[in-house]
Protein backbone atom coordinates (compact mmCIF):
# COMPACT_ATOMS: atom_id res chain seq x y z
CA MET A 1 0.05 -0.20 0.08
CA SER A 2 0.83 3.66 -0.42
CA ALA A 3 2.65 5.78 2.37
CA TRP A 4 -0.52 7.91 2.11
CA ILE A 5 -2.74 4.79 3.18
CA GLU A 6 -0.37 3.61 5.88
CA LEU A 7 -0.29 6.85 7.41
CA VAL A 8 -4.14 7.64 7.54
CA LYS A 9 -4.33 3.83 8.95
CA GLU A 10 -2.05 4.61 11.89
CA LYS A 11 -3.57 8.11 12.50
CA TYR A 12 -7.03 6.53 12.59
CA ALA A 13 -5.74 3.45 14.83
CA LEU A 14 -4.20 6.14 17.54
CA GLY A 15 -7.31 8.37 17.42
CA LYS A 16 -9.70 5.42 17.88
CA LYS A 17 -7.71 4.31 20.98
CA THR A 18 -8.35 7.59 22.67
CA ASN A 19 -11.64 8.70 21.28
CA LYS A 20 -14.45 5.99 20.32
CA GLU A 21 -16.20 8.57 18.25
CA TYR A 22 -13.17 9.49 16.09
CA SER A 23 -13.63 9.30 12.37
CA LEU A 24 -11.87 8.28 9.29
CA LYS A 25 -12.53 11.99 8.28
CA GLN A 26 -10.56 13.55 11.42
CA ALA A 27 -7.66 10.73 10.58
CA ILE A 28 -7.30 12.19 7.03
CA LEU A 29 -7.29 15.75 8.10
CA ALA A 30 -4.64 14.75 10.96
CA ALA A 31 -2.35 12.84 8.36
CA LYS A 32 -2.57 15.68 5.80
CA LYS A 33 -0.64 17.81 8.40
CA ASP A 34 2.23 15.04 8.61
CA TYR A 35 2.12 13.73 5.07
CA LYS A 36 5.26 14.40 2.82
CA LYS A 37 4.77 13.86 -0.84
CA PRO A 38 7.86 11.73 -2.52
CA ASN A 39 10.00 13.67 -5.18
CA ALA A 40 8.41 14.46 -8.06
CA THR A 41 11.32 12.96 -9.99
CA THR A 42 10.50 9.63 -9.16
CA LEU A 43 6.84 9.57 -10.04
CA SER A 44 5.84 9.96 -13.79
CA LYS A 45 3.45 12.90 -14.34
CA LYS A 46 0.54 12.04 -16.30
CA THR A 47 -0.10 14.70 -19.05
CA ARG A 48 -3.57 15.23 -21.26
CA LYS A 49 -3.29 16.04 -24.88
CA HIS A 50 -5.31 19.34 -25.75
CA LYS A 51 -7.52 19.12 -28.97
CA LYS A 52 -6.82 22.04 -31.02
CA THR A 53 -9.75 24.08 -32.45
CA LYS A 54 -9.87 25.06 -35.85
CA GLY A 55 -10.46 28.76 -36.63
CA LYS A 56 -13.75 30.46 -38.21
CA LYS A 57 -13.61 30.42 -41.87
CA GLY A 58 -15.98 33.11 -42.61
CA LYS A 59 -19.66 33.52 -42.67
CA LYS A 60 -21.78 30.09 -42.19
CA GLY A 61 -22.97 28.23 -45.00
CA LYS A 62 -21.45 30.35 -47.85
CA SER A 63 -18.43 29.69 -49.68
CA ALA A 64 -16.03 32.52 -50.60
CA LYS A 65 -17.44 32.43 -54.32
CA GLN A 66 -20.87 32.70 -53.39
CA ARG A 67 -20.21 36.03 -51.20
CA LYS A 68 -19.02 37.91 -54.03
């Protein structure tokens, strides 16, 4: 499992021991304060390709010859 999941599980277990009403949301917020992301160089970043939009070509429905 990832380091994030392990940290949340740890925070949840500790919180549950002290408070029976401790929620997973509280564990996530507590883990967020302590979590350090791994270096960006080790992870590959996904990129999206953007669609190219075609520019407008004059008036709709009329060709250049018909406009003259």
